[in-house]
Amino acid sequence: MSKWQSRIFVFGGSFNPIHNDHIKLALTARDKWKFDRIIFIPNGDNYRKKSLSATPAKIRFEMVQAAIADMSQMEVSDVEVNDSVAMRTPITMRELHQENPHSQLALFRGLDALHRVHRQCFQLANMVVIAVPRKGFELSFAEMIARHSKLQQFNERIIYKDDIVCGDLSSTQIRQAVAEGQSIDDMVPSAVQDIIKREGLYSKT
């Protein structure tokens, strides 16, 4: 019997915009990996990605909210939306830990970004990191661990899942398609596309 009351999959990102591969991963976490809750956490306006400057956090939050509106066990948190701290993942995870002391928290990371997980996150008692392969990233999981002493130290806190690969679809690809007047019908949920059109996002004009 698990010592945790529930298991929470923490999915942070820019979501500029959220797209079908994000949804696919969340559904995999819920249906295949058996997480009880999926929490999407859009980055705030002060996050390091320059591409976020033209898309306010509140709009990106709304797009995530619209994308998962009819999906059970999924929610979106605004914990970073109005925050002035640029690199706040450790703070966010501590807050989630305090709110859910009897739940296991699983922070999602693509394998290419695994080494950037802050040491403070690994040190939380109820915290693990779920890493998945990234399309086009050549290093194996074992090679990533071998290259970074921090990952070696916290190796027992890392769970590698190779039954899904990220990177077939990217938000950059979608923004470019919109700018070029191409269809994104098969890339994002229709509710997200409605917001993109309403706000005139990613258009050159």
N, C-alpha and C. Protein backbone atom coordinates (compact mmCIF):
# COMPACT_ATOMS: atom_id res chain seq x y z
N MET A 1 0.84 -1.21 0.00
CA MET A 1 0.00 0.00 0.00
C MET A 1 0.88 1.25 0.00
N SER A 2 0.54 2.22 -0.86
CA SER A 2 1.34 3.43 -0.97
C SER A 2 1.24 4.27 0.30
N LYS A 3 2.35 4.91 0.64
CA LYS A 3 2.34 5.79 1.80
C LYS A 3 1.75 7.15 1.47
N TRP A 4 1.49 7.41 0.18
CA TRP A 4 0.95 8.70 -0.25
C TRP A 4 -0.56 8.63 -0.37
N GLN A 5 -1.22 9.71 0.04
CA GLN A 5 -2.68 9.79 -0.11
C GLN A 5 -3.07 10.00 -1.57
N SER A 6 -2.20 10.67 -2.31
CA SER A 6 -2.44 10.88 -3.73
C SER A 6 -1.11 11.16 -4.43
N ARG A 7 -1.14 11.11 -5.75
CA ARG A 7 0.05 11.40 -6.56
C ARG A 7 -0.30 12.55 -7.50
N ILE A 8 0.54 13.57 -7.51
CA ILE A 8 0.27 14.79 -8.27
C ILE A 8 1.36 15.01 -9.31
N PHE A 9 0.97 15.13 -10.57
CA PHE A 9 1.88 15.38 -11.68
C PHE A 9 1.92 16.89 -11.91
N VAL A 10 3.09 17.48 -11.74
CA VAL A 10 3.24 18.94 -11.85
C VAL A 10 3.85 19.27 -13.21
N PHE A 11 3.07 19.95 -14.03
CA PHE A 11 3.44 20.21 -15.42
C PHE A 11 3.60 21.72 -15.62
N GLY A 12 4.81 22.21 -15.45
CA GLY A 12 5.08 23.62 -15.67
C GLY A 12 5.56 23.88 -17.08
N GLY A 13 5.38 25.11 -17.54
CA GLY A 13 5.85 25.46 -18.88
C GLY A 13 5.32 26.82 -19.30
N SER A 14 5.77 27.27 -20.44
CA SER A 14 5.30 28.56 -20.95
C SER A 14 3.89 28.43 -21.52
N PHE A 15 3.59 27.28 -22.16
CA PHE A 15 2.28 27.06 -22.78
C PHE A 15 1.90 28.25 -23.66
N ASN A 16 2.77 28.53 -24.61
CA ASN A 16 2.62 29.71 -25.47
C ASN A 16 2.59 29.32 -26.95
N PRO A 17 1.53 28.58 -27.39
CA PRO A 17 0.35 28.18 -26.61
C PRO A 17 0.47 26.72 -26.15
N ILE A 18 -0.47 26.31 -25.29
CA ILE A 18 -0.62 24.89 -24.99
C ILE A 18 -1.05 24.19 -26.27
N HIS A 19 -0.56 22.97 -26.48
CA HIS A 19 -0.89 22.27 -27.73
C HIS A 19 -1.20 20.79 -27.47
N ASN A 20 -1.47 20.08 -28.54
CA ASN A 20 -1.96 18.71 -28.41
C ASN A 20 -0.95 17.75 -27.79
N ASP A 21 0.35 18.00 -27.98
CA ASP A 21 1.35 17.14 -27.34
C ASP A 21 1.36 17.34 -25.83
N HIS A 22 1.12 18.57 -25.38
CA HIS A 22 0.99 18.81 -23.94
C HIS A 22 -0.18 17.98 -23.38
N ILE A 23 -1.29 18.01 -24.10
CA ILE A 23 -2.48 17.27 -23.66
C ILE A 23 -2.20 15.77 -23.67
N LYS A 24 -1.51 15.30 -24.71
CA LYS A 24 -1.17 13.87 -24.80
C LYS A 24 -0.35 13.43 -23.60
N LEU A 25 0.62 14.24 -23.21
CA LEU A 25 1.46 13.91 -22.05
C LEU A 25 0.63 13.88 -20.77
N ALA A 26 -0.24 14.87 -20.61
CA ALA A 26 -1.08 14.93 -19.41
C ALA A 26 -2.01 13.72 -19.33
N LEU A 27 -2.57 13.31 -20.45
CA LEU A 27 -3.44 12.14 -20.47
C LEU A 27 -2.66 10.86 -20.15
N THR A 28 -1.43 10.79 -20.64
CA THR A 28 -0.57 9.64 -20.33
C THR A 28 -0.30 9.59 -18.83
N ALA A 29 -0.01 10.75 -18.24
CA ALA A 29 0.26 10.80 -16.79
C ALA A 29 -0.97 10.36 -16.00
N ARG A 30 -2.14 10.75 -16.46
CA ARG A 30 -3.37 10.40 -15.74
C ARG A 30 -3.77 8.94 -15.96
N ASP A 31 -3.80 8.52 -17.22
CA ASP A 31 -4.39 7.23 -17.57
C ASP A 31 -3.41 6.06 -17.51
N LYS A 32 -2.15 6.31 -17.86
CA LYS A 32 -1.17 5.22 -17.90
C LYS A 32 -0.29 5.19 -16.66
N TRP A 33 0.15 6.37 -16.23
CA TRP A 33 1.03 6.43 -15.05
C TRP A 33 0.24 6.56 -13.75
N LYS A 34 -1.08 6.71 -13.87
CA LYS A 34 -2.01 6.66 -12.75
C LYS A 34 -1.82 7.77 -11.71
N PHE A 35 -1.56 8.99 -12.19
CA PHE A 35 -1.54 10.13 -11.28
C PHE A 35 -2.97 10.56 -10.99
N ASP A 36 -3.19 10.99 -9.76
CA ASP A 36 -4.54 11.38 -9.34
C ASP A 36 -4.91 12.79 -9.77
N ARG A 37 -3.91 13.67 -9.82
CA ARG A 37 -4.15 15.06 -10.23
C ARG A 37 -3.04 15.49 -11.18
N ILE A 38 -3.41 16.24 -12.18
CA ILE A 38 -2.45 16.85 -13.11
C ILE A 38 -2.59 18.36 -12.93
N ILE A 39 -1.52 19.03 -12.51
CA ILE A 39 -1.57 20.47 -12.30
C ILE A 39 -0.68 21.16 -13.33
N PHE A 40 -1.29 21.93 -14.21
CA PHE A 40 -0.55 22.76 -15.17
C PHE A 40 -0.18 24.07 -14.47
N ILE A 41 1.07 24.50 -14.63
CA ILE A 41 1.51 25.75 -14.02
C ILE A 41 2.19 26.62 -15.08
N PRO A 42 1.44 27.53 -15.70
CA PRO A 42 2.05 28.43 -16.69
C PRO A 42 3.07 29.36 -16.03
N ASN A 43 4.20 29.56 -16.72
CA ASN A 43 5.21 30.49 -16.23
C ASN A 43 4.67 31.91 -16.20
N GLY A 44 5.18 32.71 -15.27
CA GLY A 44 4.79 34.11 -15.19
C GLY A 44 5.44 34.95 -16.26
N ASP A 45 5.09 36.23 -16.29
CA ASP A 45 5.61 37.14 -17.31
C ASP A 45 7.10 37.41 -17.18
N ASN A 46 7.68 37.12 -16.02
CA ASN A 46 9.10 37.40 -15.81
C ASN A 46 9.99 36.20 -16.10
N TYR A 47 9.39 35.13 -16.64
CA TYR A 47 10.19 33.96 -16.97
C TYR A 47 11.20 34.31 -18.06
N ARG A 48 12.25 33.50 -18.17
CA ARG A 48 13.39 33.86 -19.01
C ARG A 48 13.13 33.79 -20.51
N LYS A 49 12.08 33.12 -20.96
CA LYS A 49 11.85 32.99 -22.40
C LYS A 49 11.40 34.32 -23.00
N LYS A 50 12.15 34.81 -23.98
CA LYS A 50 11.82 36.08 -24.62
C LYS A 50 10.48 36.02 -25.36
N SER A 51 10.13 34.83 -25.84
CA SER A 51 8.90 34.69 -26.62
C SER A 51 7.64 34.96 -25.80
N LEU A 52 7.77 34.97 -24.47
CA LEU A 52 6.60 35.19 -23.62
C LEU A 52 6.19 36.66 -23.56
N SER A 53 7.11 37.55 -23.92
CA SER A 53 6.87 38.98 -23.71
C SER A 53 5.63 39.48 -24.44
N ALA A 54 5.29 38.86 -25.58
CA ALA A 54 4.15 39.32 -26.35
C ALA A 54 2.85 38.60 -25.99
N THR A 55 2.93 37.61 -25.11
CA THR A 55 1.75 36.85 -24.71
C THR A 55 1.63 36.87 -23.19
N PRO A 56 0.80 37.75 -22.64
CA PRO A 56 0.69 37.87 -21.19
C PRO A 56 0.36 36.55 -20.51
N ALA A 57 0.87 36.39 -19.30
CA ALA A 57 0.65 35.16 -18.54
C ALA A 57 -0.84 34.87 -18.37
N LYS A 58 -1.64 35.91 -18.17
CA LYS A 58 -3.08 35.69 -17.96
C LYS A 58 -3.74 35.08 -19.20
N ILE A 59 -3.25 35.44 -20.39
CA ILE A 59 -3.78 34.85 -21.62
C ILE A 59 -3.33 33.40 -21.75
N ARG A 60 -2.07 33.13 -21.45
CA ARG A 60 -1.58 31.75 -21.51
C ARG A 60 -2.30 30.87 -20.49
N PHE A 61 -2.57 31.44 -19.32
CA PHE A 61 -3.35 30.73 -18.30
C PHE A 61 -4.74 30.41 -18.84
N GLU A 62 -5.37 31.38 -19.49
CA GLU A 62 -6.71 31.17 -20.04
C GLU A 62 -6.70 30.08 -21.10
N MET A 63 -5.64 30.03 -21.92
CA MET A 63 -5.56 29.00 -22.95
C MET A 63 -5.47 27.60 -22.33
N VAL A 64 -4.67 27.47 -21.28
CA VAL A 64 -4.58 26.17 -20.59
C VAL A 64 -5.93 25.81 -19.99
N GLN A 65 -6.54 26.77 -19.35
CA GLN A 65 -7.86 26.56 -18.72
C GLN A 65 -8.87 26.06 -19.75
N ALA A 66 -8.86 26.68 -20.92
CA ALA A 66 -9.81 26.30 -21.97
C ALA A 66 -9.50 24.91 -22.51
N ALA A 67 -8.22 24.59 -22.63
CA ALA A 67 -7.81 23.30 -23.21
C ALA A 67 -8.22 22.11 -22.36
N ILE A 68 -8.23 22.29 -21.04
CA ILE A 68 -8.50 21.15 -20.14
C ILE A 68 -9.86 21.25 -19.47
N ALA A 69 -10.70 22.13 -19.95
CA ALA A 69 -11.99 22.42 -19.29
C ALA A 69 -12.84 21.18 -19.06
N ASP A 70 -12.82 20.25 -20.00
CA ASP A 70 -13.68 19.07 -19.91
C ASP A 70 -12.93 17.81 -19.50
N MET A 71 -11.74 17.97 -18.96
CA MET A 71 -10.90 16.82 -18.63
C MET A 71 -10.82 16.62 -17.12
N SER A 72 -11.25 15.46 -16.67
CA SER A 72 -11.25 15.18 -15.24
C SER A 72 -9.83 15.04 -14.70
N GLN A 73 -9.67 15.39 -13.44
CA GLN A 73 -8.41 15.27 -12.70
C GLN A 73 -7.34 16.25 -13.16
N MET A 74 -7.72 17.20 -14.02
CA MET A 74 -6.75 18.18 -14.50
C MET A 74 -7.15 19.58 -14.04
N GLU A 75 -6.14 20.37 -13.69
CA GLU A 75 -6.38 21.73 -13.21
C GLU A 75 -5.22 22.61 -13.61
N VAL A 76 -5.43 23.91 -13.56
CA VAL A 76 -4.37 24.86 -13.87
C VAL A 76 -4.22 25.81 -12.68
N SER A 77 -2.98 26.04 -12.30
CA SER A 77 -2.68 26.92 -11.16
C SER A 77 -2.15 28.25 -11.66
N ASP A 78 -2.57 29.33 -10.99
CA ASP A 78 -2.08 30.66 -11.33
C ASP A 78 -0.98 31.11 -10.37
N VAL A 79 -0.36 30.17 -9.68
CA VAL A 79 0.63 30.51 -8.65
C VAL A 79 1.79 31.34 -9.20
N GLU A 80 2.12 31.16 -10.48
CA GLU A 80 3.24 31.91 -11.06
C GLU A 80 2.78 33.06 -11.95
N VAL A 81 1.50 33.10 -12.25
CA VAL A 81 1.00 34.07 -13.23
C VAL A 81 1.23 35.51 -12.80
N ASN A 82 0.97 35.82 -11.54
CA ASN A 82 1.10 37.20 -11.06
C ASN A 82 2.35 37.42 -10.23
N ASP A 83 3.28 36.47 -10.29
CA ASP A 83 4.47 36.56 -9.45
C ASP A 83 5.58 37.32 -10.17
N SER A 84 6.33 38.09 -9.42
CA SER A 84 7.43 38.88 -9.99
C SER A 84 8.75 38.14 -9.98
N VAL A 85 8.79 36.93 -9.43
CA VAL A 85 10.02 36.15 -9.37
C VAL A 85 10.19 35.37 -10.66
N ALA A 86 11.33 35.54 -11.33
CA ALA A 86 11.53 34.93 -12.63
C ALA A 86 11.76 33.42 -12.55
N MET A 87 12.64 32.99 -11.68
CA MET A 87 12.99 31.57 -11.59
C MET A 87 12.42 31.01 -10.30
N ARG A 88 11.14 30.64 -10.31
CA ARG A 88 10.50 30.35 -9.04
C ARG A 88 10.10 28.88 -8.87
N THR A 89 10.58 27.96 -9.70
CA THR A 89 10.17 26.56 -9.56
C THR A 89 10.38 26.01 -8.16
N PRO A 90 11.55 26.24 -7.51
CA PRO A 90 11.71 25.74 -6.14
C PRO A 90 10.67 26.31 -5.18
N ILE A 91 10.32 27.59 -5.36
CA ILE A 91 9.31 28.22 -4.50
C ILE A 91 7.95 27.57 -4.74
N THR A 92 7.61 27.38 -6.01
CA THR A 92 6.34 26.75 -6.36
C THR A 92 6.24 25.36 -5.76
N MET A 93 7.31 24.59 -5.88
CA MET A 93 7.28 23.22 -5.37
C MET A 93 7.18 23.19 -3.85
N ARG A 94 7.83 24.13 -3.18
CA ARG A 94 7.71 24.20 -1.72
C ARG A 94 6.27 24.52 -1.32
N GLU A 95 5.65 25.44 -2.05
CA GLU A 95 4.26 25.80 -1.76
C GLU A 95 3.33 24.60 -1.97
N LEU A 96 3.56 23.87 -3.06
CA LEU A 96 2.74 22.68 -3.31
C LEU A 96 2.97 21.62 -2.24
N HIS A 97 4.21 21.51 -1.80
CA HIS A 97 4.54 20.57 -0.72
C HIS A 97 3.79 20.92 0.56
N GLN A 98 3.75 22.22 0.89
CA GLN A 98 3.06 22.67 2.10
C GLN A 98 1.55 22.44 2.00
N GLU A 99 1.02 22.61 0.79
CA GLU A 99 -0.42 22.43 0.58
C GLU A 99 -0.81 20.94 0.52
N ASN A 100 0.16 20.09 0.14
CA ASN A 100 -0.13 18.67 -0.07
C ASN A 100 0.94 17.81 0.61
N PRO A 101 1.07 17.91 1.94
CA PRO A 101 2.16 17.23 2.63
C PRO A 101 2.08 15.71 2.57
N HIS A 102 0.90 15.17 2.28
CA HIS A 102 0.74 13.72 2.25
C HIS A 102 0.60 13.18 0.83
N SER A 103 0.94 14.02 -0.15
CA SER A 103 0.88 13.61 -1.55
C SER A 103 2.28 13.58 -2.15
N GLN A 104 2.48 12.66 -3.06
CA GLN A 104 3.74 12.65 -3.81
C GLN A 104 3.64 13.66 -4.94
N LEU A 105 4.64 14.52 -5.06
CA LEU A 105 4.71 15.50 -6.14
C LEU A 105 5.70 15.01 -7.18
N ALA A 106 5.30 15.00 -8.43
CA ALA A 106 6.18 14.57 -9.51
C ALA A 106 6.32 15.71 -10.50
N LEU A 107 7.49 16.31 -10.53
CA LEU A 107 7.77 17.43 -11.44
C LEU A 107 8.20 16.88 -12.79
N PHE A 108 7.52 17.30 -13.85
CA PHE A 108 7.87 16.83 -15.20
C PHE A 108 9.03 17.63 -15.78
N ARG A 109 9.95 16.91 -16.43
CA ARG A 109 11.02 17.55 -17.19
C ARG A 109 11.37 16.69 -18.40
N GLY A 110 11.61 17.33 -19.54
CA GLY A 110 12.20 16.64 -20.67
C GLY A 110 13.63 16.27 -20.31
N LEU A 111 14.13 15.19 -20.89
CA LEU A 111 15.47 14.72 -20.55
C LEU A 111 16.53 15.79 -20.78
N ASP A 112 16.34 16.62 -21.81
CA ASP A 112 17.32 17.66 -22.13
C ASP A 112 17.41 18.73 -21.06
N ALA A 113 16.37 18.88 -20.24
CA ALA A 113 16.35 19.91 -19.19
C ALA A 113 16.48 19.33 -17.79
N LEU A 114 16.73 18.05 -17.70
CA LEU A 114 16.77 17.39 -16.39
C LEU A 114 17.83 17.99 -15.47
N HIS A 115 18.97 18.33 -16.03
CA HIS A 115 20.07 18.85 -15.21
C HIS A 115 19.78 20.23 -14.63
N ARG A 116 18.74 20.90 -15.15
CA ARG A 116 18.42 22.23 -14.65
C ARG A 116 17.44 22.22 -13.47
N VAL A 117 16.98 21.05 -13.08
CA VAL A 117 16.11 20.97 -11.90
C VAL A 117 16.90 21.42 -10.67
N HIS A 118 16.34 22.36 -9.93
CA HIS A 118 17.07 22.95 -8.81
C HIS A 118 17.25 21.93 -7.68
N ARG A 119 18.39 21.99 -7.05
CA ARG A 119 18.71 21.10 -5.94
C ARG A 119 17.64 21.14 -4.84
N GLN A 120 17.07 22.34 -4.61
CA GLN A 120 16.06 22.48 -3.57
C GLN A 120 14.82 21.63 -3.85
N CYS A 121 14.52 21.43 -5.13
CA CYS A 121 13.37 20.59 -5.48
C CYS A 121 13.63 19.14 -5.08
N PHE A 122 14.81 18.65 -5.40
CA PHE A 122 15.15 17.27 -5.06
C PHE A 122 15.12 17.03 -3.56
N GLN A 123 15.35 18.08 -2.79
CA GLN A 123 15.47 17.92 -1.34
C GLN A 123 14.13 17.86 -0.62
N LEU A 124 13.03 18.14 -1.32
CA LEU A 124 11.71 18.02 -0.71
C LEU A 124 11.37 16.56 -0.47
N ALA A 125 10.85 16.26 0.70
CA ALA A 125 10.64 14.87 1.11
C ALA A 125 9.67 14.11 0.21
N ASN A 126 8.69 14.81 -0.35
CA ASN A 126 7.67 14.12 -1.14
C ASN A 126 7.82 14.34 -2.64
N MET A 127 9.04 14.64 -3.07
CA MET A 127 9.27 15.10 -4.44
C MET A 127 10.05 14.08 -5.27
N VAL A 128 9.58 13.83 -6.50
CA VAL A 128 10.34 13.09 -7.50
C VAL A 128 10.29 13.89 -8.80
N VAL A 129 11.14 13.52 -9.74
CA VAL A 129 11.12 14.14 -11.06
C VAL A 129 10.83 13.05 -12.09
N ILE A 130 9.87 13.32 -12.95
CA ILE A 130 9.57 12.42 -14.07
C ILE A 130 10.29 12.97 -15.29
N ALA A 131 11.20 12.19 -15.86
CA ALA A 131 11.93 12.61 -17.06
C ALA A 131 11.51 11.74 -18.24
N VAL A 132 11.35 12.38 -19.40
CA VAL A 132 10.99 11.64 -20.61
C VAL A 132 11.94 12.03 -21.74
N PRO A 133 12.11 11.16 -22.74
CA PRO A 133 12.99 11.49 -23.86
C PRO A 133 12.48 12.71 -24.62
N ARG A 134 13.41 13.43 -25.21
CA ARG A 134 13.08 14.59 -26.03
C ARG A 134 13.55 14.32 -27.46
N LYS A 135 12.67 14.44 -28.41
CA LYS A 135 13.02 14.18 -29.81
C LYS A 135 14.18 15.08 -30.23
N GLY A 136 15.20 14.47 -30.84
CA GLY A 136 16.36 15.22 -31.30
C GLY A 136 17.46 15.36 -30.28
N PHE A 137 17.18 14.97 -29.03
CA PHE A 137 18.20 15.04 -27.98
C PHE A 137 18.93 13.71 -27.95
N GLU A 138 20.24 13.74 -28.16
CA GLU A 138 20.99 12.53 -28.44
C GLU A 138 21.45 11.76 -27.21
N LEU A 139 21.58 12.41 -26.06
CA LEU A 139 22.09 11.72 -24.88
C LEU A 139 21.04 10.78 -24.30
N SER A 140 21.49 9.63 -23.84
CA SER A 140 20.59 8.71 -23.15
C SER A 140 20.42 9.15 -21.70
N PHE A 141 19.48 8.53 -21.03
CA PHE A 141 19.27 8.83 -19.61
C PHE A 141 20.53 8.54 -18.81
N ALA A 142 21.15 7.40 -19.06
CA ALA A 142 22.37 7.02 -18.33
C ALA A 142 23.49 8.02 -18.58
N GLU A 143 23.59 8.50 -19.81
CA GLU A 143 24.63 9.48 -20.13
C GLU A 143 24.39 10.81 -19.43
N MET A 144 23.12 11.21 -19.34
CA MET A 144 22.80 12.45 -18.62
C MET A 144 23.17 12.35 -17.15
N ILE A 145 22.84 11.23 -16.54
CA ILE A 145 23.18 11.03 -15.13
C ILE A 145 24.69 11.08 -14.95
N ALA A 146 25.41 10.43 -15.84
CA ALA A 146 26.87 10.35 -15.72
C ALA A 146 27.54 11.71 -15.87
N ARG A 147 26.91 12.61 -16.59
CA ARG A 147 27.52 13.92 -16.87
C ARG A 147 27.31 14.94 -15.74
N HIS A 148 26.35 14.69 -14.86
CA HIS A 148 25.99 15.71 -13.87
C HIS A 148 26.01 15.12 -12.47
N SER A 149 26.89 15.63 -11.64
CA SER A 149 27.03 15.11 -10.27
C SER A 149 25.75 15.30 -9.46
N LYS A 150 25.02 16.39 -9.71
CA LYS A 150 23.76 16.61 -8.99
C LYS A 150 22.77 15.50 -9.28
N LEU A 151 22.69 15.08 -10.55
CA LEU A 151 21.77 14.02 -10.92
C LEU A 151 22.21 12.68 -10.32
N GLN A 152 23.50 12.49 -10.21
CA GLN A 152 24.01 11.27 -9.57
C GLN A 152 23.61 11.26 -8.09
N GLN A 153 23.72 12.42 -7.45
CA GLN A 153 23.40 12.51 -6.03
C GLN A 153 21.93 12.21 -5.75
N PHE A 154 21.06 12.68 -6.66
CA PHE A 154 19.61 12.52 -6.44
C PHE A 154 18.99 11.52 -7.41
N ASN A 155 19.78 10.59 -7.87
CA ASN A 155 19.32 9.64 -8.88
C ASN A 155 18.08 8.87 -8.44
N GLU A 156 17.99 8.57 -7.13
CA GLU A 156 16.85 7.80 -6.63
C GLU A 156 15.56 8.61 -6.65
N ARG A 157 15.66 9.91 -6.90
CA ARG A 157 14.48 10.78 -6.97
C ARG A 157 14.02 11.00 -8.41
N ILE A 158 14.69 10.36 -9.35
CA ILE A 158 14.37 10.56 -10.77
C ILE A 158 13.75 9.29 -11.34
N ILE A 159 12.60 9.45 -11.98
CA ILE A 159 11.92 8.33 -12.62
C ILE A 159 11.92 8.58 -14.13
N TYR A 160 12.54 7.69 -14.87
CA TYR A 160 12.65 7.86 -16.32
C TYR A 160 11.55 7.05 -17.01
N LYS A 161 10.76 7.73 -17.84
CA LYS A 161 9.67 7.10 -18.58
C LYS A 161 9.98 7.19 -20.07
N ASP A 162 10.18 6.05 -20.71
CA ASP A 162 10.51 6.08 -22.13
C ASP A 162 9.36 5.59 -23.01
N ASP A 163 8.14 5.56 -22.45
CA ASP A 163 6.99 5.13 -23.23
C ASP A 163 6.30 6.29 -23.93
N ILE A 164 6.87 7.47 -23.83
CA ILE A 164 6.38 8.63 -24.58
C ILE A 164 7.58 9.52 -24.90
N VAL A 165 7.56 10.14 -26.06
CA VAL A 165 8.66 11.02 -26.48
C VAL A 165 8.10 12.41 -26.73
N CYS A 166 8.72 13.41 -26.14
CA CYS A 166 8.28 14.80 -26.35
C CYS A 166 9.02 15.41 -27.54
N GLY A 167 8.40 16.37 -28.15
CA GLY A 167 9.10 17.15 -29.16
C GLY A 167 8.60 17.03 -30.57
N ASP A 168 7.56 16.19 -30.82
CA ASP A 168 7.01 16.11 -32.17
C ASP A 168 6.34 17.43 -32.57
N LEU A 169 5.81 18.12 -31.58
CA LEU A 169 5.12 19.38 -31.81
C LEU A 169 5.65 20.40 -30.82
N SER A 170 5.85 21.63 -31.27
CA SER A 170 6.36 22.66 -30.37
C SER A 170 5.51 23.93 -30.48
N SER A 171 5.52 24.71 -29.41
CA SER A 171 4.80 25.98 -29.42
C SER A 171 5.40 26.93 -30.44
N THR A 172 6.72 26.87 -30.61
CA THR A 172 7.40 27.70 -31.62
C THR A 172 6.85 27.41 -33.00
N GLN A 173 6.69 26.13 -33.29
CA GLN A 173 6.15 25.68 -34.57
C GLN A 173 4.75 26.25 -34.80
N ILE A 174 3.94 26.27 -33.76
CA ILE A 174 2.57 26.77 -33.86
C ILE A 174 2.56 28.28 -34.07
N ARG A 175 3.39 28.99 -33.32
CA ARG A 175 3.45 30.45 -33.49
C ARG A 175 3.88 30.80 -34.91
N GLN A 176 4.82 30.05 -35.44
CA GLN A 176 5.30 30.29 -36.81
C GLN A 176 4.20 30.00 -37.82
N ALA A 177 3.46 28.92 -37.60
CA ALA A 177 2.37 28.57 -38.51
C ALA A 177 1.31 29.67 -38.54
N VAL A 178 0.95 30.20 -37.37
CA VAL A 178 -0.03 31.28 -37.31
C VAL A 178 0.49 32.51 -38.03
N ALA A 179 1.74 32.84 -37.81
CA ALA A 179 2.34 34.02 -38.44
C ALA A 179 2.34 33.90 -39.96
N GLU A 180 2.43 32.66 -40.45
CA GLU A 180 2.47 32.43 -41.90
C GLU A 180 1.09 32.14 -42.48
N GLY A 181 0.06 32.22 -41.64
CA GLY A 181 -1.30 32.02 -42.11
C GLY A 181 -1.67 30.58 -42.37
N GLN A 182 -0.93 29.64 -41.79
CA GLN A 182 -1.19 28.22 -41.99
C GLN A 182 -2.19 27.72 -40.94
N SER A 183 -2.83 26.61 -41.25
CA SER A 183 -3.80 26.02 -40.34
C SER A 183 -3.11 25.37 -39.14
N ILE A 184 -3.70 25.53 -37.96
CA ILE A 184 -3.21 24.85 -36.76
C ILE A 184 -4.31 23.96 -36.17
N ASP A 185 -5.26 23.57 -37.02
CA ASP A 185 -6.41 22.79 -36.56
C ASP A 185 -5.99 21.49 -35.88
N ASP A 186 -4.92 20.86 -36.38
CA ASP A 186 -4.50 19.58 -35.82
C ASP A 186 -3.38 19.73 -34.79
N MET A 187 -3.13 20.97 -34.36
CA MET A 187 -2.04 21.23 -33.42
C MET A 187 -2.52 21.63 -32.03
N VAL A 188 -3.64 22.33 -31.96
CA VAL A 188 -4.14 22.83 -30.68
C VAL A 188 -5.64 22.53 -30.55
N PRO A 189 -6.16 22.43 -29.33
CA PRO A 189 -7.61 22.29 -29.15
C PRO A 189 -8.34 23.49 -29.75
N SER A 190 -9.56 23.27 -30.20
CA SER A 190 -10.31 24.34 -30.85
C SER A 190 -10.53 25.53 -29.91
N ALA A 191 -10.71 25.27 -28.62
CA ALA A 191 -10.92 26.36 -27.67
C ALA A 191 -9.68 27.25 -27.56
N VAL A 192 -8.51 26.65 -27.71
CA VAL A 192 -7.26 27.42 -27.69
C VAL A 192 -7.14 28.25 -28.96
N GLN A 193 -7.50 27.65 -30.07
CA GLN A 193 -7.45 28.37 -31.34
C GLN A 193 -8.40 29.58 -31.32
N ASP A 194 -9.53 29.44 -30.67
CA ASP A 194 -10.47 30.56 -30.55
C ASP A 194 -9.84 31.74 -29.81
N ILE A 195 -9.09 31.45 -28.75
CA ILE A 195 -8.43 32.52 -27.99
C ILE A 195 -7.32 33.15 -28.80
N ILE A 196 -6.57 32.33 -29.53
CA ILE A 196 -5.50 32.86 -30.39
C ILE A 196 -6.08 33.84 -31.40
N LYS A 197 -7.21 33.48 -31.99
CA LYS A 197 -7.85 34.35 -32.98
C LYS A 197 -8.41 35.61 -32.32
N ARG A 198 -9.05 35.44 -31.19
CA ARG A 198 -9.66 36.58 -30.48
C ARG A 198 -8.63 37.62 -30.09
N GLU A 199 -7.49 37.15 -29.61
CA GLU A 199 -6.44 38.05 -29.13
C GLU A 199 -5.47 38.47 -30.22
N GLY A 200 -5.59 37.88 -31.40
CA GLY A 200 -4.66 38.19 -32.48
C GLY A 200 -3.24 37.77 -32.17
N LEU A 201 -3.10 36.65 -31.46
CA LEU A 201 -1.77 36.20 -31.05
C LEU A 201 -0.96 35.66 -32.22
N TYR A 202 0.32 35.93 -32.18
CA TYR A 202 1.33 35.35 -33.08
C TYR A 202 1.23 35.84 -34.52
N SER A 203 0.26 36.67 -34.82
CA SER A 203 0.10 37.17 -36.18
C SER A 203 1.11 38.28 -36.46
N LYS A 204 1.59 38.33 -37.69
CA LYS A 204 2.56 39.37 -38.07
C LYS A 204 1.89 40.73 -38.19
N THR A 205 0.58 40.74 -38.41
CA THR A 205 -0.11 42.01 -38.61
C THR A 205 -0.71 42.52 -37.31
